[in-house]
Amino acid sequence: MIAETARRNMVDCQLRTNRVTDEAVLAAFESVPRERFVPAGRRAVAYVDDDIEIAPGRFLMEPMVLARLVQEAMIGTNDVAMVIGCSVGYSAAIVSRVAGTVVAIEQDPDLAARANNLLREFGADNVAVFQALHAEGYAGQAPYDAILIDGAVDHVPATLFDQLGEGGRLVAVRRAGPVGEAILFLKVGGVISERTLFDAAIPVLPGFERRPEFAF
């Protein structure tokens, strides 16, 4: 009961007040028990408006940022979506509530196993978890109508844009100094365009760290 109240408060006070208006997205956040996806010792803070560390260097994204990214991806009930860097599966569980099929990618084998178990317990039958390198995506199930990168990136590799279908949307937070920018990428006629959505400061997803600069 305490967790359910905290979940409703998260939706009402963190999401609705920060331009999350899509009722399907709001319903997804109200229906997924975030506390089940965090370590037992951190469940008391499962609904804070901040990123939560769930493994060394890995985090559950701040709810407001995740919700706005999912909303901007415009995921429909017949869409095939890919979540990159799903960690223990919370973001994939959210997307499973608005998409038809979800492909969840996690390169850490332990986290991928935990995600698979938690999503099975949650009853997310439309999610398939694959262990694969984040930056490579999962071409075997492409093309995707929507791609969500669950963490900040320095850049988006071309291979991920290749896996978007015509009219596909990719949402990510791109690092721009200490504060990143949430970006919506749209593929039309095989060409990728982008639109800046809002500022966001979230941890970098492994596999998308800043590329080294070489001096000559």
C-alpha atoms as a PDB file:
ATOM      1  CA  MET A   1       0.000   0.000   0.000  1.00  0.00           C
ATOM      2  CA  ILE A   2       2.855   2.395   0.812  1.00  0.00           C
ATOM      3  CA  ALA A   3       4.506   1.612  -2.528  1.00  0.00           C
ATOM      4  CA  GLU A   4       1.237   2.136  -4.417  1.00  0.00           C
ATOM      5  CA  THR A   5       0.786   5.538  -2.782  1.00  0.00           C
ATOM      6  CA  ALA A   6       4.382   6.477  -3.605  1.00  0.00           C
ATOM      7  CA  ARG A   7       3.819   5.376  -7.207  1.00  0.00           C
ATOM      8  CA  ARG A   8       0.712   7.549  -7.549  1.00  0.00           C
ATOM      9  CA  ASN A   9       2.575  10.484  -6.032  1.00  0.00           C
ATOM     10  CA  MET A  10       5.400   9.965  -8.523  1.00  0.00           C
ATOM     11  CA  VAL A  11       2.942  10.119 -11.406  1.00  0.00           C
ATOM     12  CA  ASP A  12       1.044  13.124 -10.051  1.00  0.00           C
ATOM     13  CA  CYS A  13       3.954  15.180  -8.702  1.00  0.00           C
ATOM     14  CA  GLN A  14       6.900  14.255 -10.941  1.00  0.00           C
ATOM     15  CA  LEU A  15       5.324  13.366 -14.280  1.00  0.00           C
ATOM     16  CA  ARG A  16       2.079  15.319 -14.681  1.00  0.00           C
ATOM     17  CA  THR A  17       3.765  18.501 -13.457  1.00  0.00           C
ATOM     18  CA  ASN A  18       6.612  18.120 -15.975  1.00  0.00           C
ATOM     19  CA  ARG A  19       4.777  17.995 -19.298  1.00  0.00           C
ATOM     20  CA  VAL A  20       4.005  14.280 -19.334  1.00  0.00           C
ATOM     21  CA  THR A  21       0.454  14.342 -20.665  1.00  0.00           C
ATOM     22  CA  ASP A  22       0.066  11.072 -22.596  1.00  0.00           C
ATOM     23  CA  GLU A  23      -2.420   9.049 -20.565  1.00  0.00           C
ATOM     24  CA  ALA A  24      -1.040   5.718 -21.820  1.00  0.00           C
ATOM     25  CA  VAL A  25       2.441   6.676 -20.625  1.00  0.00           C
ATOM     26  CA  LEU A  26       1.112   7.866 -17.272  1.00  0.00           C
ATOM     27  CA  ALA A  27      -0.847   4.623 -16.866  1.00  0.00           C
ATOM     28  CA  ALA A  28       2.310   2.630 -17.632  1.00  0.00           C
ATOM     29  CA  PHE A  29       4.238   4.350 -14.853  1.00  0.00           C
ATOM     30  CA  GLU A  30       1.367   3.873 -12.434  1.00  0.00           C
ATOM     31  CA  SER A  31       1.112   0.157 -13.208  1.00  0.00           C
ATOM     32  CA  VAL A  32       4.793  -0.878 -13.069  1.00  0.00           C
ATOM     33  CA  PRO A  33       6.115  -1.461  -9.508  1.00  0.00           C
ATOM     34  CA  ARG A  34       9.448   0.389  -9.630  1.00  0.00           C
ATOM     35  CA  GLU A  35      10.350  -0.886  -6.157  1.00  0.00           C
ATOM     36  CA  ARG A  36      10.644  -4.432  -7.532  1.00  0.00           C
ATOM     37  CA  PHE A  37      13.428  -3.349  -9.884  1.00  0.00           C
ATOM     38  CA  VAL A  38      15.745  -1.801  -7.272  1.00  0.00           C
ATOM     39  CA  PRO A  39      17.938  -3.558  -4.691  1.00  0.00           C
ATOM     40  CA  ALA A  40      16.083  -4.476  -1.495  1.00  0.00           C
ATOM     41  CA  GLY A  41      18.090  -1.956   0.511  1.00  0.00           C
ATOM     42  CA  ARG A  42      17.038   0.907  -1.764  1.00  0.00           C
ATOM     43  CA  ARG A  43      13.315   0.235  -2.077  1.00  0.00           C
ATOM     44  CA  ALA A  44      12.505   3.040   0.347  1.00  0.00           C
ATOM     45  CA  VAL A  45      13.808   5.514  -2.244  1.00  0.00           C
ATOM     46  CA  ALA A  46      12.432   3.741  -5.318  1.00  0.00           C
ATOM     47  CA  TYR A  47      10.205   6.687  -6.218  1.00  0.00           C
ATOM     48  CA  VAL A  48      12.529   9.643  -5.642  1.00  0.00           C
ATOM     49  CA  ASP A  49      12.922  12.059  -8.546  1.00  0.00           C
ATOM     50  CA  ASP A  50      16.504  11.036  -9.219  1.00  0.00           C
ATOM     51  CA  ASP A  51      18.552   8.303 -10.877  1.00  0.00           C
ATOM     52  CA  ILE A  52      18.950   5.235  -8.625  1.00  0.00           C
ATOM     53  CA  GLU A  53      22.094   3.118  -8.710  1.00  0.00           C
ATOM     54  CA  ILE A  54      21.151  -0.539  -9.075  1.00  0.00           C
ATOM     55  CA  ALA A  55      24.642  -1.934  -9.847  1.00  0.00           C
ATOM     56  CA  PRO A  56      28.140  -0.416 -10.059  1.00  0.00           C
ATOM     57  CA  GLY A  57      27.937   2.262 -12.714  1.00  0.00           C
ATOM     58  CA  ARG A  58      24.345   1.403 -13.668  1.00  0.00           C
ATOM     59  CA  PHE A  59      21.210   3.332 -12.806  1.00  0.00           C
ATOM     60  CA  LEU A  60      17.466   3.436 -13.183  1.00  0.00           C
ATOM     61  CA  MET A  61      16.828   6.674 -15.043  1.00  0.00           C
ATOM     62  CA  GLU A  62      15.049   9.521 -13.270  1.00  0.00           C
ATOM     63  CA  PRO A  63      11.291   8.878 -13.754  1.00  0.00           C
ATOM     64  CA  MET A  64      10.513  12.253 -15.316  1.00  0.00           C
ATOM     65  CA  VAL A  65      13.267  11.943 -17.918  1.00  0.00           C
ATOM     66  CA  LEU A  66      12.280   8.380 -18.804  1.00  0.00           C
ATOM     67  CA  ALA A  67       8.608   9.310 -19.052  1.00  0.00           C
ATOM     68  CA  ARG A  68       9.243  12.244 -21.351  1.00  0.00           C
ATOM     69  CA  LEU A  69      11.488  10.151 -23.597  1.00  0.00           C
ATOM     70  CA  VAL A  70       8.853   7.413 -23.856  1.00  0.00           C
ATOM     71  CA  GLN A  71       6.185  10.028 -24.592  1.00  0.00           C
ATOM     72  CA  GLU A  72       8.275  11.687 -27.310  1.00  0.00           C
ATOM     73  CA  ALA A  73       8.947   8.313 -28.948  1.00  0.00           C
ATOM     74  CA  MET A  74       5.213   8.156 -29.755  1.00  0.00           C
ATOM     75  CA  ILE A  75       5.082   4.378 -29.322  1.00  0.00           C
ATOM     76  CA  GLY A  76       1.864   2.730 -30.491  1.00  0.00           C
ATOM     77  CA  THR A  77       0.260  -0.544 -29.496  1.00  0.00           C
ATOM     78  CA  ASN A  78       1.277  -2.194 -32.775  1.00  0.00           C
ATOM     79  CA  ASP A  79       4.852  -0.915 -32.700  1.00  0.00           C
ATOM     80  CA  VAL A  80       8.032  -2.936 -32.288  1.00  0.00           C
ATOM     81  CA  ALA A  81      10.320  -1.059 -29.892  1.00  0.00           C
ATOM     82  CA  MET A  82      13.904  -1.651 -28.801  1.00  0.00           C
ATOM     83  CA  VAL A  83      15.200  -0.596 -25.380  1.00  0.00           C
ATOM     84  CA  ILE A  84      18.999  -0.362 -25.284  1.00  0.00           C
ATOM     85  CA  GLY A  85      20.677  -0.767 -21.910  1.00  0.00           C
ATOM     86  CA  CYS A  86      17.619  -2.081 -20.083  1.00  0.00           C
ATOM     87  CA  SER A  87      19.700  -3.040 -16.979  1.00  0.00           C
ATOM     88  CA  VAL A  88      17.256  -4.917 -14.720  1.00  0.00           C
ATOM     89  CA  GLY A  89      14.264  -4.333 -16.996  1.00  0.00           C
ATOM     90  CA  TYR A  90      12.321  -1.390 -15.549  1.00  0.00           C
ATOM     91  CA  SER A  91      12.412   0.731 -18.697  1.00  0.00           C
ATOM     92  CA  ALA A  92      11.479  -2.304 -20.792  1.00  0.00           C
ATOM     93  CA  ALA A  93       8.536  -2.986 -18.461  1.00  0.00           C
ATOM     94  CA  ILE A  94       7.337   0.596 -18.954  1.00  0.00           C
ATOM     95  CA  VAL A  95       7.657   0.397 -22.735  1.00  0.00           C
ATOM     96  CA  SER A  96       5.899  -2.984 -22.728  1.00  0.00           C
ATOM     97  CA  ARG A  97       2.749  -1.200 -21.550  1.00  0.00           C
ATOM     98  CA  VAL A  98       2.573   1.017 -24.644  1.00  0.00           C
ATOM     99  CA  ALA A  99       4.223  -1.075 -27.393  1.00  0.00           C
ATOM    100  CA  GLY A 100       3.180  -4.250 -29.148  1.00  0.00           C
ATOM    101  CA  THR A 101       6.581  -5.954 -28.888  1.00  0.00           C
ATOM    102  CA  VAL A 102       9.736  -4.939 -27.015  1.00  0.00           C
ATOM    103  CA  VAL A 103      13.291  -6.082 -27.683  1.00  0.00           C
ATOM    104  CA  ALA A 104      15.427  -5.281 -24.618  1.00  0.00           C
ATOM    105  CA  ILE A 105      19.221  -5.190 -24.985  1.00  0.00           C
ATOM    106  CA  GLU A 106      21.656  -5.490 -22.082  1.00  0.00           C
ATOM    107  CA  GLN A 107      25.371  -6.145 -22.469  1.00  0.00           C
ATOM    108  CA  ASP A 108      26.034  -7.114 -18.827  1.00  0.00           C
ATOM    109  CA  PRO A 109      25.175 -10.830 -18.485  1.00  0.00           C
ATOM    110  CA  ASP A 110      24.184 -10.607 -14.806  1.00  0.00           C
ATOM    111  CA  LEU A 111      21.878  -7.650 -15.394  1.00  0.00           C
ATOM    112  CA  ALA A 112      20.402  -9.327 -18.473  1.00  0.00           C
ATOM    113  CA  ALA A 113      19.583 -12.421 -16.386  1.00  0.00           C
ATOM    114  CA  ARG A 114      18.002 -10.287 -13.666  1.00  0.00           C
ATOM    115  CA  ALA A 115      15.973  -8.386 -16.250  1.00  0.00           C
ATOM    116  CA  ASN A 116      14.719 -11.602 -17.776  1.00  0.00           C
ATOM    117  CA  ASN A 117      13.645 -12.955 -14.371  1.00  0.00           C
ATOM    118  CA  LEU A 118      12.006  -9.719 -13.195  1.00  0.00           C
ATOM    119  CA  LEU A 119      10.125  -9.193 -16.445  1.00  0.00           C
ATOM    120  CA  ARG A 120       8.886 -12.771 -16.338  1.00  0.00           C
ATOM    121  CA  GLU A 121       7.686 -12.267 -12.762  1.00  0.00           C
ATOM    122  CA  PHE A 122       6.008  -9.021 -13.810  1.00  0.00           C
ATOM    123  CA  GLY A 123       4.209 -10.815 -16.631  1.00  0.00           C
ATOM    124  CA  ALA A 124       5.692  -8.765 -19.467  1.00  0.00           C
ATOM    125  CA  ASP A 125       5.142 -11.482 -22.057  1.00  0.00           C
ATOM    126  CA  ASN A 126       5.737  -9.117 -24.980  1.00  0.00           C
ATOM    127  CA  VAL A 127       9.379  -8.423 -23.979  1.00  0.00           C
ATOM    128  CA  ALA A 128      12.383 -10.434 -25.178  1.00  0.00           C
ATOM    129  CA  VAL A 129      15.717  -9.772 -23.439  1.00  0.00           C
ATOM    130  CA  PHE A 130      18.936 -10.266 -25.401  1.00  0.00           C
ATOM    131  CA  GLN A 131      22.508  -9.972 -24.195  1.00  0.00           C
ATOM    132  CA  ALA A 132      24.296  -7.834 -26.784  1.00  0.00           C
ATOM    133  CA  LEU A 133      26.593  -4.855 -26.976  1.00  0.00           C
ATOM    134  CA  HIS A 134      24.614  -1.684 -26.422  1.00  0.00           C
ATOM    135  CA  ALA A 135      26.159   0.255 -29.287  1.00  0.00           C
ATOM    136  CA  GLU A 136      25.330  -2.530 -31.756  1.00  0.00           C
ATOM    137  CA  GLY A 137      21.639  -2.853 -30.935  1.00  0.00           C
ATOM    138  CA  TYR A 138      19.978  -6.037 -32.179  1.00  0.00           C
ATOM    139  CA  ALA A 139      19.655  -6.171 -35.955  1.00  0.00           C
ATOM    140  CA  GLY A 140      18.057  -9.628 -35.854  1.00  0.00           C
ATOM    141  CA  GLN A 141      14.663  -8.133 -34.947  1.00  0.00           C
ATOM    142  CA  ALA A 142      14.943  -4.922 -36.999  1.00  0.00           C
ATOM    143  CA  PRO A 143      13.404  -2.752 -38.293  1.00  0.00           C
ATOM    144  CA  TYR A 144      12.089  -0.990 -35.189  1.00  0.00           C
ATOM    145  CA  ASP A 145       9.368   1.618 -34.994  1.00  0.00           C
ATOM    146  CA  ALA A 146      10.968   3.152 -31.913  1.00  0.00           C
ATOM    147  CA  ILE A 147      14.296   2.898 -30.076  1.00  0.00           C
ATOM    148  CA  LEU A 148      14.923   4.136 -26.538  1.00  0.00           C
ATOM    149  CA  ILE A 149      18.482   4.412 -25.209  1.00  0.00           C
ATOM    150  CA  ASP A 150      18.316   4.018 -21.420  1.00  0.00           C
ATOM    151  CA  GLY A 151      21.200   6.307 -20.467  1.00  0.00           C
ATOM    152  CA  ALA A 152      23.185   9.235 -21.786  1.00  0.00           C
ATOM    153  CA  VAL A 153      25.310   8.908 -24.923  1.00  0.00           C
ATOM    154  CA  ASP A 154      28.152  10.858 -26.465  1.00  0.00           C
ATOM    155  CA  HIS A 155      26.867   9.984 -29.926  1.00  0.00           C
ATOM    156  CA  VAL A 156      24.414   7.617 -31.579  1.00  0.00           C
ATOM    157  CA  PRO A 157      26.124   5.053 -33.833  1.00  0.00           C
ATOM    158  CA  ALA A 158      24.935   4.816 -37.416  1.00  0.00           C
ATOM    159  CA  THR A 159      24.200   1.111 -36.904  1.00  0.00           C
ATOM    160  CA  LEU A 160      21.298   2.040 -34.619  1.00  0.00           C
ATOM    161  CA  PHE A 161      19.810   4.406 -37.177  1.00  0.00           C
ATOM    162  CA  ASP A 162      20.135   1.578 -39.714  1.00  0.00           C
ATOM    163  CA  GLN A 163      17.863  -0.510 -37.489  1.00  0.00           C
ATOM    164  CA  LEU A 164      15.087   2.098 -37.504  1.00  0.00           C
ATOM    165  CA  GLY A 165      12.251   1.525 -39.928  1.00  0.00           C
ATOM    166  CA  GLU A 166      10.794   4.222 -42.150  1.00  0.00           C
ATOM    167  CA  GLY A 167       9.113   6.772 -39.909  1.00  0.00           C
ATOM    168  CA  GLY A 168      10.969   5.333 -36.922  1.00  0.00           C
ATOM    169  CA  ARG A 169      11.845   7.391 -33.836  1.00  0.00           C
ATOM    170  CA  LEU A 170      14.921   7.143 -31.639  1.00  0.00           C
ATOM    171  CA  VAL A 171      15.085   8.981 -28.309  1.00  0.00           C
ATOM    172  CA  ALA A 172      18.228   9.508 -26.256  1.00  0.00           C
ATOM    173  CA  VAL A 173      19.976  11.985 -23.990  1.00  0.00           C
ATOM    174  CA  ARG A 174      23.093  13.250 -25.726  1.00  0.00           C
ATOM    175  CA  ARG A 175      25.873  14.607 -23.546  1.00  0.00           C
ATOM    176  CA  ALA A 176      26.645  18.289 -24.004  1.00  0.00           C
ATOM    177  CA  GLY A 177      28.980  19.084 -21.112  1.00  0.00           C
ATOM    178  CA  PRO A 178      27.659  18.644 -17.555  1.00  0.00           C
ATOM    179  CA  VAL A 179      24.041  18.812 -18.741  1.00  0.00           C
ATOM    180  CA  GLY A 180      22.823  16.729 -21.656  1.00  0.00           C
ATOM    181  CA  GLU A 181      20.006  17.278 -24.120  1.00  0.00           C
ATOM    182  CA  ALA A 182      17.173  14.890 -24.815  1.00  0.00           C
ATOM    183  CA  ILE A 183      16.989  14.401 -28.575  1.00  0.00           C
ATOM    184  CA  LEU A 184      14.302  12.960 -30.827  1.00  0.00           C
ATOM    185  CA  PHE A 185      15.686  11.459 -34.039  1.00  0.00           C
ATOM    186  CA  LEU A 186      13.246  10.780 -36.884  1.00  0.00           C
ATOM    187  CA  LYS A 187      13.879   8.669 -39.992  1.00  0.00           C
ATOM    188  CA  VAL A 188      11.994   9.784 -43.099  1.00  0.00           C
ATOM    189  CA  GLY A 189      12.954   8.749 -46.600  1.00  0.00           C
ATOM    190  CA  GLY A 190      16.041   7.097 -45.191  1.00  0.00           C
ATOM    191  CA  VAL A 191      17.272  10.447 -43.832  1.00  0.00           C
ATOM    192  CA  ILE A 192      17.741  11.120 -40.101  1.00  0.00           C
ATOM    193  CA  SER A 193      16.636  14.457 -38.687  1.00  0.00           C
ATOM    194  CA  GLU A 194      16.826  15.512 -35.054  1.00  0.00           C
ATOM    195  CA  ARG A 195      15.007  17.809 -32.655  1.00  0.00           C
ATOM    196  CA  THR A 196      16.164  18.932 -29.219  1.00  0.00           C
ATOM    197  CA  LEU A 197      13.500  18.307 -26.581  1.00  0.00           C
ATOM    198  CA  PHE A 198      14.746  19.381 -23.140  1.00  0.00           C
ATOM    199  CA  ASP A 199      17.799  19.469 -20.897  1.00  0.00           C
ATOM    200  CA  ALA A 200      18.588  16.330 -18.890  1.00  0.00           C
ATOM    201  CA  ALA A 201      21.500  15.195 -16.723  1.00  0.00           C
ATOM    202  CA  ILE A 202      21.641  11.409 -16.453  1.00  0.00           C
ATOM    203  CA  PRO A 203      24.550   8.932 -16.211  1.00  0.00           C
ATOM    204  CA  VAL A 204      26.251   7.697 -19.365  1.00  0.00           C
ATOM    205  CA  LEU A 205      25.284   4.232 -20.554  1.00  0.00           C
ATOM    206  CA  PRO A 206      28.299   1.884 -20.871  1.00  0.00           C
ATOM    207  CA  GLY A 207      29.191   1.453 -24.521  1.00  0.00           C
ATOM    208  CA  PHE A 208      28.416   5.087 -25.318  1.00  0.00           C
ATOM    209  CA  GLU A 209      31.267   6.800 -23.486  1.00  0.00           C
ATOM    210  CA  ARG A 210      33.071   9.729 -25.073  1.00  0.00           C
ATOM    211  CA  ARG A 211      35.316   8.622 -27.901  1.00  0.00           C
ATOM    212  CA  PRO A 212      39.027   9.405 -27.435  1.00  0.00           C
ATOM    213  CA  GLU A 213      40.377  12.357 -29.324  1.00  0.00           C
ATOM    214  CA  PHE A 214      43.658  11.768 -31.136  1.00  0.00           C
ATOM    215  CA  ALA A 215      46.279  14.432 -31.550  1.00  0.00           C
ATOM    216  CA  PHE A 216      48.615  14.443 -34.539  1.00  0.00           C
END
